[in-house]
N, C-alpha and C. Protein backbone atom coordinates (compact mmCIF):
# COMPACT_ATOMS: atom_id res chain seq x y z
N MET A 1 95.81 50.76 111.22
CA MET A 1 96.76 49.88 110.88
C MET A 1 97.43 50.00 109.45
N GLU A 2 95.77 50.16 108.78
CA GLU A 2 95.83 50.39 107.10
C GLU A 2 95.82 51.40 106.94
N TRP A 3 95.70 53.07 107.44
CA TRP A 3 95.87 54.07 107.64
C TRP A 3 97.45 53.53 106.68
N PHE A 4 98.22 53.39 108.01
CA PHE A 4 100.37 53.78 108.45
C PHE A 4 100.31 52.56 106.50
N LEU A 5 99.60 51.76 106.76
CA LEU A 5 100.31 50.54 105.46
C LEU A 5 99.97 51.74 104.79
N ASP A 6 98.63 52.07 103.47
CA ASP A 6 98.68 52.52 103.31
C ASP A 6 99.80 53.68 102.44
N ARG A 7 99.37 55.02 103.74
CA ARG A 7 100.65 55.79 103.30
C ARG A 7 101.81 55.61 102.54
N VAL A 8 102.62 54.12 103.68
CA VAL A 8 103.41 53.25 103.22
C VAL A 8 103.31 53.23 101.42
N GLU A 9 102.63 52.15 101.05
CA GLU A 9 102.20 52.41 99.71
C GLU A 9 102.51 53.31 99.54
N GLN A 10 101.47 54.08 99.66
CA GLN A 10 101.60 55.47 98.83
C GLN A 10 103.43 56.24 98.21
N GLY A 11 104.04 55.29 99.50
CA GLY A 11 105.27 56.38 99.69
C GLY A 11 106.58 55.06 97.91
N ILE A 12 106.06 54.21 98.47
CA ILE A 12 106.41 52.97 97.79
C ILE A 12 106.23 52.91 96.07
N ARG A 13 105.56 52.73 96.36
CA ARG A 13 104.67 53.05 94.59
C ARG A 13 105.31 53.42 94.16
N PRO A 14 105.43 55.58 93.83
CA PRO A 14 106.31 55.58 93.30
C PRO A 14 108.15 55.71 93.36
N LEU A 15 108.26 55.30 94.45
CA LEU A 15 109.49 54.64 94.50
C LEU A 15 109.98 53.62 93.76
N LEU A 16 108.94 52.97 93.45
CA LEU A 16 109.31 51.17 92.42
C LEU A 16 109.67 51.65 91.35
N ALA A 17 108.79 52.83 91.02
CA ALA A 17 108.12 53.05 89.67
C ALA A 17 109.83 53.93 89.47
N PHE A 18 110.14 54.61 90.30
CA PHE A 18 111.74 55.54 89.47
C PHE A 18 112.73 54.60 89.23
N LEU A 19 112.88 53.66 90.17
CA LEU A 19 113.61 52.48 90.52
C LEU A 19 114.06 52.14 89.51
N LEU A 20 112.79 51.70 88.69
CA LEU A 20 112.29 50.66 87.82
C LEU A 20 112.90 51.59 86.74
N ALA A 21 113.00 52.40 86.58
CA ALA A 21 112.72 53.61 85.84
C ALA A 21 115.09 53.79 85.26
N PHE A 22 115.51 53.74 86.52
CA PHE A 22 116.53 54.23 86.29
C PHE A 22 117.36 53.12 86.68
N ILE A 23 116.75 51.64 86.91
CA ILE A 23 117.34 49.88 85.97
C ILE A 23 117.60 49.80 84.45
N THR A 24 116.24 50.54 83.98
CA THR A 24 115.62 50.60 82.30
C THR A 24 117.32 51.53 81.65
N ILE A 25 117.04 52.63 82.31
CA ILE A 25 118.27 53.91 81.38
C ILE A 25 119.99 53.00 82.10
N GLY A 26 119.75 53.07 83.52
CA GLY A 26 121.28 52.67 83.62
C GLY A 26 121.73 51.38 82.70
N ILE A 27 121.22 50.39 82.99
CA ILE A 27 121.68 49.26 81.79
C ILE A 27 121.67 49.71 80.09
N PHE A 28 120.85 50.25 79.98
CA PHE A 28 120.52 50.65 78.96
C PHE A 28 122.07 51.73 78.76
N ILE A 29 122.38 53.03 79.86
CA ILE A 29 123.16 53.48 78.79
C ILE A 29 124.82 52.26 78.70
N VAL A 30 124.86 51.64 80.17
CA VAL A 30 126.56 50.94 80.98
C VAL A 30 126.51 49.19 79.04
N VAL A 31 125.32 49.25 78.38
CA VAL A 31 125.05 48.18 77.36
C VAL A 31 125.47 49.52 76.02
N VAL A 32 125.09 50.10 75.46
CA VAL A 32 125.40 51.40 74.69
C VAL A 32 127.25 52.24 74.81
N ALA A 33 127.59 52.18 76.37
CA ALA A 33 129.56 52.42 76.02
C ALA A 33 129.89 51.26 76.31
N ARG A 34 129.61 50.20 76.28
CA ARG A 34 130.31 48.90 76.28
C ARG A 34 130.16 49.37 74.62
N TYR A 35 129.04 48.97 74.31
CA TYR A 35 129.68 47.87 72.93
C TYR A 35 129.53 49.40 72.15
N VAL A 36 129.35 50.50 72.27
CA VAL A 36 129.38 51.52 70.53
C VAL A 36 130.89 51.67 70.85
N PHE A 37 131.20 52.28 73.09
CA PHE A 37 132.07 53.84 72.99
C PHE A 37 133.29 52.66 73.77
N ALA A 38 132.99 51.50 73.80
CA ALA A 38 134.14 50.12 74.63
C ALA A 38 134.92 50.39 75.63
N THR A 39 133.70 51.04 76.54
CA THR A 39 134.33 51.91 77.77
C THR A 39 133.13 51.10 78.46
N SER A 40 133.18 50.70 80.05
CA SER A 40 131.98 50.42 81.18
C SER A 40 131.99 51.23 82.00
N PHE A 41 130.81 51.30 82.48
CA PHE A 41 130.79 51.92 83.78
C PHE A 41 130.46 51.04 84.98
N LEU A 42 131.27 50.99 85.39
CA LEU A 42 130.97 49.78 86.77
C LEU A 42 130.38 50.22 87.72
N PHE A 43 130.13 51.17 87.78
CA PHE A 43 129.32 52.13 89.00
C PHE A 43 128.10 51.87 88.63
N GLY A 44 127.25 51.82 87.56
CA GLY A 44 126.22 51.82 86.56
C GLY A 44 125.34 50.99 86.68
N GLU A 45 126.48 50.37 86.69
CA GLU A 45 125.73 48.25 86.90
C GLU A 45 124.91 48.14 88.34
N GLU A 46 126.67 47.84 89.26
CA GLU A 46 125.90 48.18 90.84
C GLU A 46 124.65 48.84 91.10
N LEU A 47 124.44 49.86 90.87
CA LEU A 47 123.92 50.65 91.12
C LEU A 47 122.47 50.41 90.62
N SER A 48 121.96 49.29 88.90
CA SER A 48 121.63 49.10 88.21
C SER A 48 121.23 47.98 89.77
N LEU A 49 121.74 47.46 89.88
CA LEU A 49 122.06 45.72 91.09
C LEU A 49 121.43 46.26 91.98
N PHE A 50 121.23 47.23 92.84
CA PHE A 50 121.49 47.76 94.18
C PHE A 50 119.59 48.35 93.92
N ALA A 51 119.40 48.67 92.65
CA ALA A 51 117.71 49.18 92.57
C ALA A 51 117.05 48.02 92.48
N PHE A 52 117.73 47.04 91.90
CA PHE A 52 116.69 45.85 91.85
C PHE A 52 116.65 45.17 93.37
N ILE A 53 117.31 45.34 93.36
CA ILE A 53 117.37 44.49 95.51
C ILE A 53 115.88 45.43 96.02
N TRP A 54 116.16 46.16 96.04
CA TRP A 54 115.04 47.14 96.47
C TRP A 54 114.16 47.33 95.79
N CYS A 55 113.52 46.81 94.18
CA CYS A 55 112.57 46.74 93.66
C CYS A 55 111.91 45.12 94.36
N VAL A 56 112.84 44.47 93.88
CA VAL A 56 112.27 43.14 94.66
C VAL A 56 111.77 43.08 96.09
N PHE A 57 112.51 42.94 96.60
CA PHE A 57 111.58 43.21 98.10
C PHE A 57 110.77 44.00 98.52
N LEU A 58 110.81 44.88 97.73
CA LEU A 58 109.63 46.70 98.53
C LEU A 58 108.81 46.17 97.57
N GLY A 59 108.51 45.07 97.04
CA GLY A 59 107.04 44.38 95.85
C GLY A 59 106.63 43.18 96.70
N ALA A 60 107.86 42.72 96.14
CA ALA A 60 107.19 41.37 98.23
C ALA A 60 105.87 41.96 98.33
N ALA A 61 107.21 43.14 99.97
CA ALA A 61 106.40 43.61 100.40
C ALA A 61 104.72 44.19 99.62
N LEU A 62 104.13 44.90 98.85
CA LEU A 62 103.21 45.12 98.17
C LEU A 62 102.68 43.83 97.95
N CYS A 63 103.22 42.91 97.53
CA CYS A 63 102.68 41.47 97.32
C CYS A 63 101.37 40.75 97.96
N VAL A 64 101.80 40.72 99.57
CA VAL A 64 101.61 40.63 100.51
C VAL A 64 101.15 40.76 101.20
N ARG A 65 101.30 42.45 100.79
CA ARG A 65 99.36 43.68 101.67
C ARG A 65 98.21 43.04 100.83
N HIS A 66 98.23 43.13 99.52
CA HIS A 66 97.53 42.75 98.42
C HIS A 66 96.90 41.28 98.24
N ARG A 67 97.50 40.88 98.62
CA ARG A 67 97.18 38.87 98.61
C ARG A 67 97.76 37.86 97.34
N THR A 68 98.66 39.35 96.50
CA THR A 68 99.04 38.39 95.28
C THR A 68 100.21 37.49 95.38
N HIS A 69 100.08 36.66 96.97
CA HIS A 69 100.92 36.03 96.72
C HIS A 69 100.33 33.96 96.91
N PHE A 70 101.26 33.60 97.29
CA PHE A 70 100.89 31.76 97.55
C PHE A 70 99.98 31.83 97.71
N ALA A 71 99.19 30.50 97.26
CA ALA A 71 97.91 30.18 97.60
C ALA A 71 97.61 29.53 96.96
N PHE A 72 96.07 28.53 97.13
CA PHE A 72 95.79 27.40 97.10
C PHE A 72 94.44 27.26 96.54
N ASP A 73 94.89 27.87 94.26
CA ASP A 73 93.97 28.44 93.22
C ASP A 73 93.02 26.93 94.08
N TYR A 74 92.52 26.58 94.62
CA TYR A 74 91.86 24.80 94.51
C TYR A 74 90.72 25.29 95.81
N PHE A 75 91.52 25.88 95.86
CA PHE A 75 90.23 25.70 97.50
C PHE A 75 89.55 27.53 97.31
N GLU A 76 89.79 27.94 95.97
CA GLU A 76 89.49 29.58 96.01
C GLU A 76 87.94 29.31 95.61
N ARG A 77 87.59 28.25 96.15
CA ARG A 77 85.50 28.57 96.30
C ARG A 77 84.80 27.94 96.91
N LEU A 78 85.65 27.55 98.03
CA LEU A 78 85.70 27.64 100.08
C LEU A 78 84.69 29.17 99.75
N SER A 79 83.76 28.83 100.79
CA SER A 79 83.22 30.23 101.34
C SER A 79 82.96 30.23 103.12
N GLY A 80 82.60 30.78 103.74
CA GLY A 80 82.43 31.03 104.88
C GLY A 80 83.90 31.01 105.78
N ARG A 81 83.60 29.96 107.28
CA ARG A 81 84.30 29.21 107.55
C ARG A 81 85.75 28.72 106.80
N ALA A 82 84.92 27.45 106.08
CA ALA A 82 86.41 27.12 105.28
C ALA A 82 87.71 27.69 104.73
N ALA A 83 86.92 28.85 104.69
CA ALA A 83 87.59 29.92 103.34
C ALA A 83 88.84 30.97 104.56
N GLY A 84 88.30 30.89 105.74
CA GLY A 84 89.24 32.00 106.62
C GLY A 84 89.85 30.61 107.22
N VAL A 85 89.89 29.20 107.62
CA VAL A 85 90.67 28.94 107.50
C VAL A 85 91.53 28.69 106.64
N GLN A 86 91.33 28.20 105.64
CA GLN A 86 93.01 28.12 104.59
C GLN A 86 93.14 29.39 104.77
N ARG A 87 92.69 30.40 104.37
CA ARG A 87 92.76 32.52 104.18
C ARG A 87 94.46 31.81 105.72
N LEU A 88 93.54 31.45 107.13
CA LEU A 88 94.60 31.74 107.33
C LEU A 88 96.30 30.52 107.86
N ILE A 89 96.02 29.90 106.89
CA ILE A 89 96.68 28.94 107.27
C ILE A 89 97.92 29.63 106.01
N VAL A 90 97.31 29.64 104.82
CA VAL A 90 97.58 30.08 104.23
C VAL A 90 98.62 31.80 104.71
N ASP A 91 97.94 32.10 105.40
CA ASP A 91 99.15 33.84 106.39
C ASP A 91 99.63 33.54 107.01
N LEU A 92 99.64 32.65 107.98
CA LEU A 92 100.53 32.13 108.75
C LEU A 92 101.71 31.14 108.30
N THR A 93 101.87 30.58 107.36
CA THR A 93 103.18 30.34 106.70
C THR A 93 103.30 31.33 106.00
N VAL A 94 102.93 32.29 104.86
CA VAL A 94 103.63 34.17 104.44
C VAL A 94 104.45 34.54 106.11
N LEU A 95 103.59 34.53 107.28
CA LEU A 95 103.72 34.89 108.14
C LEU A 95 104.98 34.46 109.08
N ALA A 96 105.29 33.52 109.55
CA ALA A 96 107.32 32.41 109.32
C ALA A 96 107.44 33.33 108.50
N MET A 97 107.53 32.79 107.20
CA MET A 97 108.63 33.20 106.15
C MET A 97 108.54 34.77 106.22
N ALA A 98 107.76 36.05 106.69
CA ALA A 98 108.13 37.18 107.04
C ALA A 98 109.25 37.51 107.63
N LEU A 99 108.43 36.32 108.97
CA LEU A 99 109.58 36.65 110.45
C LEU A 99 110.91 35.70 110.46
N LEU A 100 111.32 35.33 108.92
CA LEU A 100 112.19 34.84 107.96
C LEU A 100 113.04 35.75 107.69
N ILE A 101 112.37 36.09 107.38
CA ILE A 101 113.25 37.35 106.90
C ILE A 101 113.38 38.54 107.26
N VAL A 102 112.46 39.81 108.03
CA VAL A 102 113.54 39.95 109.42
C VAL A 102 114.58 39.73 109.77
N VAL A 103 114.24 38.52 110.29
CA VAL A 103 115.41 38.22 111.71
C VAL A 103 116.85 37.81 110.32
N GLU A 104 116.72 37.45 109.45
CA GLU A 104 118.05 37.20 109.22
C GLU A 104 118.26 37.94 107.91
N GLY A 105 117.41 38.88 107.93
CA GLY A 105 117.46 39.19 106.62
C GLY A 105 118.54 40.74 107.47
N TRP A 106 118.10 41.53 108.53
CA TRP A 106 119.08 42.13 110.22
C TRP A 106 120.90 41.18 109.90
N ASN A 107 120.39 40.02 110.47
CA ASN A 107 121.80 39.07 110.10
C ASN A 107 122.49 40.01 109.39
N PHE A 108 122.53 39.11 107.36
CA PHE A 108 122.81 40.09 106.69
C PHE A 108 123.72 41.32 106.94
N ALA A 109 121.66 41.63 106.93
CA ALA A 109 122.65 43.58 107.05
C ALA A 109 123.49 44.22 108.39
N GLU A 110 123.78 44.04 108.48
CA GLU A 110 124.86 43.45 109.85
C GLU A 110 126.59 42.65 109.88
N LEU A 111 125.71 42.15 108.70
CA LEU A 111 127.23 41.67 108.30
C LEU A 111 128.03 42.53 106.91
N SER A 112 126.90 43.60 106.64
CA SER A 112 127.49 44.28 104.93
C SER A 112 127.34 45.32 105.54
N VAL A 113 127.97 46.05 106.83
CA VAL A 113 128.05 47.35 107.21
C VAL A 113 129.12 47.12 106.88
N ARG A 114 130.36 46.53 107.29
CA ARG A 114 131.87 47.34 107.44
C ARG A 114 131.87 46.82 106.05
N ARG A 115 131.25 45.38 104.93
CA ARG A 115 131.65 45.38 103.23
C ARG A 115 131.54 46.55 102.77
N LEU A 116 132.34 47.19 101.82
CA LEU A 116 131.69 48.21 101.03
C LEU A 116 131.59 47.47 98.94
N SER A 117 131.21 48.10 98.48
CA SER A 117 130.80 48.11 97.64
C SER A 117 132.05 47.84 96.52
N PRO A 118 131.95 47.12 95.90
CA PRO A 118 133.05 46.83 94.54
C PRO A 118 133.42 48.55 93.69
N ALA A 119 132.42 48.86 93.28
CA ALA A 119 132.41 50.19 91.93
C ALA A 119 132.57 51.08 93.05
N LEU A 120 131.28 51.62 93.29
CA LEU A 120 130.99 53.20 94.43
C LEU A 120 131.85 52.41 95.24
N GLY A 121 132.61 51.90 95.83
CA GLY A 121 132.83 52.24 98.25
C GLY A 121 132.19 52.18 98.51
N ILE A 122 130.34 52.35 98.68
CA ILE A 122 130.60 52.38 99.90
C ILE A 122 129.68 51.43 100.63
N SER A 123 128.68 51.05 102.23
CA SER A 123 129.24 50.58 102.78
C SER A 123 127.40 48.72 102.35
N LEU A 124 127.59 48.85 102.19
CA LEU A 124 126.45 47.22 101.71
C LEU A 124 125.50 47.43 102.48
N PHE A 125 125.79 47.64 103.90
CA PHE A 125 124.57 48.41 104.79
C PHE A 125 123.33 48.86 103.55
N LEU A 126 123.16 49.67 103.63
CA LEU A 126 121.95 50.17 102.81
C LEU A 126 121.39 48.92 101.32
N PRO A 127 122.18 48.87 101.12
CA PRO A 127 121.13 48.46 99.82
C PRO A 127 120.52 47.12 100.35
N THR A 128 121.27 46.20 101.45
CA THR A 128 120.24 44.75 102.17
C THR A 128 119.53 45.51 103.02
N LEU A 129 119.38 46.99 103.85
CA LEU A 129 118.56 47.57 104.10
C LEU A 129 116.89 46.83 104.14
N VAL A 130 116.62 46.54 102.81
CA VAL A 130 115.40 46.48 102.19
C VAL A 130 115.46 45.67 102.82
N ILE A 131 115.69 44.42 103.24
CA ILE A 131 115.12 43.49 103.05
C ILE A 131 114.78 42.80 104.56
N PRO A 132 115.53 43.62 105.56
CA PRO A 132 114.48 43.32 107.03
C PRO A 132 113.44 44.82 106.79
N THR A 133 113.75 45.52 106.21
CA THR A 133 112.29 47.16 105.84
C THR A 133 111.13 45.74 105.44
N SER A 134 111.37 45.63 103.99
CA SER A 134 109.93 44.71 103.54
C SER A 134 109.69 43.55 104.68
N GLY A 135 110.68 42.38 105.06
CA GLY A 135 109.82 41.64 106.13
C GLY A 135 108.90 42.54 107.31
N VAL A 136 109.48 43.74 108.02
CA VAL A 136 108.08 44.63 108.62
C VAL A 136 107.46 44.37 108.11
N LEU A 137 107.03 45.19 107.15
CA LEU A 137 106.06 45.61 106.21
C LEU A 137 105.03 44.36 105.80
N MET A 138 105.77 43.19 105.29
CA MET A 138 105.66 42.04 106.09
C MET A 138 104.54 41.79 106.60
N VAL A 139 105.53 41.43 107.96
CA VAL A 139 104.41 41.45 109.06
C VAL A 139 102.80 42.02 109.64
N LEU A 140 103.26 43.19 109.12
CA LEU A 140 101.96 44.53 109.36
C LEU A 140 100.71 44.48 108.97
N ALA A 141 101.21 44.58 107.05
CA ALA A 141 100.32 42.97 107.14
C ALA A 141 99.65 41.72 106.79
N LEU A 142 100.53 41.18 107.36
CA LEU A 142 100.05 40.51 107.87
C LEU A 142 99.39 40.08 109.41
N ILE A 143 99.69 40.89 110.09
CA ILE A 143 98.67 40.74 111.37
C ILE A 143 97.30 41.47 110.90
N GLY A 144 97.34 42.57 110.61
CA GLY A 144 95.26 42.38 109.49
C GLY A 144 94.68 41.80 108.45
N HIS A 145 95.54 41.18 108.66
CA HIS A 145 94.84 40.15 107.78
C HIS A 145 94.68 38.99 107.95
N ILE A 146 95.87 38.76 109.30
CA ILE A 146 95.14 37.00 109.92
C ILE A 146 94.21 37.67 111.15
N THR A 147 94.03 39.12 111.47
CA THR A 147 92.78 39.57 112.33
C THR A 147 91.80 39.42 111.15
N ARG A 148 91.71 39.67 109.83
CA ARG A 148 90.24 39.42 108.92
C ARG A 148 90.06 37.59 109.12
N ASP A 149 91.20 36.96 108.37
CA ASP A 149 90.92 35.88 108.32
C ASP A 149 90.15 34.72 109.80
N ILE A 150 90.75 35.13 111.31
CA ILE A 150 90.47 34.49 112.24
C ILE A 150 89.36 35.03 112.40
N ARG A 151 88.43 36.88 112.68
CA ARG A 151 86.75 36.78 112.35
C ARG A 151 85.62 36.49 110.91
N ARG A 152 86.64 36.49 110.70
CA ARG A 152 85.92 35.19 109.61
C ARG A 152 86.18 33.80 110.23
N ILE A 153 86.42 33.89 111.25
CA ILE A 153 86.73 31.56 110.90
C ILE A 153 85.29 31.82 112.44
N VAL A 154 85.68 33.01 112.80
CA VAL A 154 84.63 33.08 114.70
C VAL A 154 83.16 33.67 113.95
N THR A 155 82.70 34.73 112.56
CA THR A 155 81.18 34.94 112.24
C THR A 155 80.49 34.35 111.05
N GLY A 156 82.02 34.25 110.71
CA GLY A 156 81.58 32.80 109.04
C GLY A 156 81.24 33.47 107.59
N ARG A 157 81.81 34.78 107.87
CA ARG A 157 81.18 35.29 106.82
C ARG A 157 82.27 36.35 106.52
N ASP A 158 81.96 37.64 105.77
CA ASP A 158 83.02 38.12 105.08
C ASP A 158 82.99 39.00 106.03
N PRO A 159 84.69 39.53 106.29
CA PRO A 159 84.90 40.93 107.02
C PRO A 159 84.37 42.05 106.46
């Protein structure tokens, strides 16, 4: 599964870079148009918002994969089985939230199928589909983490 997540990450990283550049340039154009030319591009703001949503959720999935999410810094001094138990507790907590993101994100995306964005007139399904997608990526990463945590608890050393 690691090779799959590596491949997905290789696709997500350039996508995130593109989306961040798109947001920056898009908002710059919107601000210049508004204050210099006294006109506004609502579709530019809307596209930037959609890109921001994708950045947040895809970035969150990468953070879960690299364990840069919530943790107990005080317990970083633990080693062996105790560290495995601590990491397992954190990973199970994050897994519960990731499963919630998958289920409720899908429900939210389904509700968005018939709703249209105000400026672009497109279905809001595509912008919201990233929510359950990122949740699935989080779950896949957490399965690997939890497997390593259990191995660490059983053996008492890092896998």
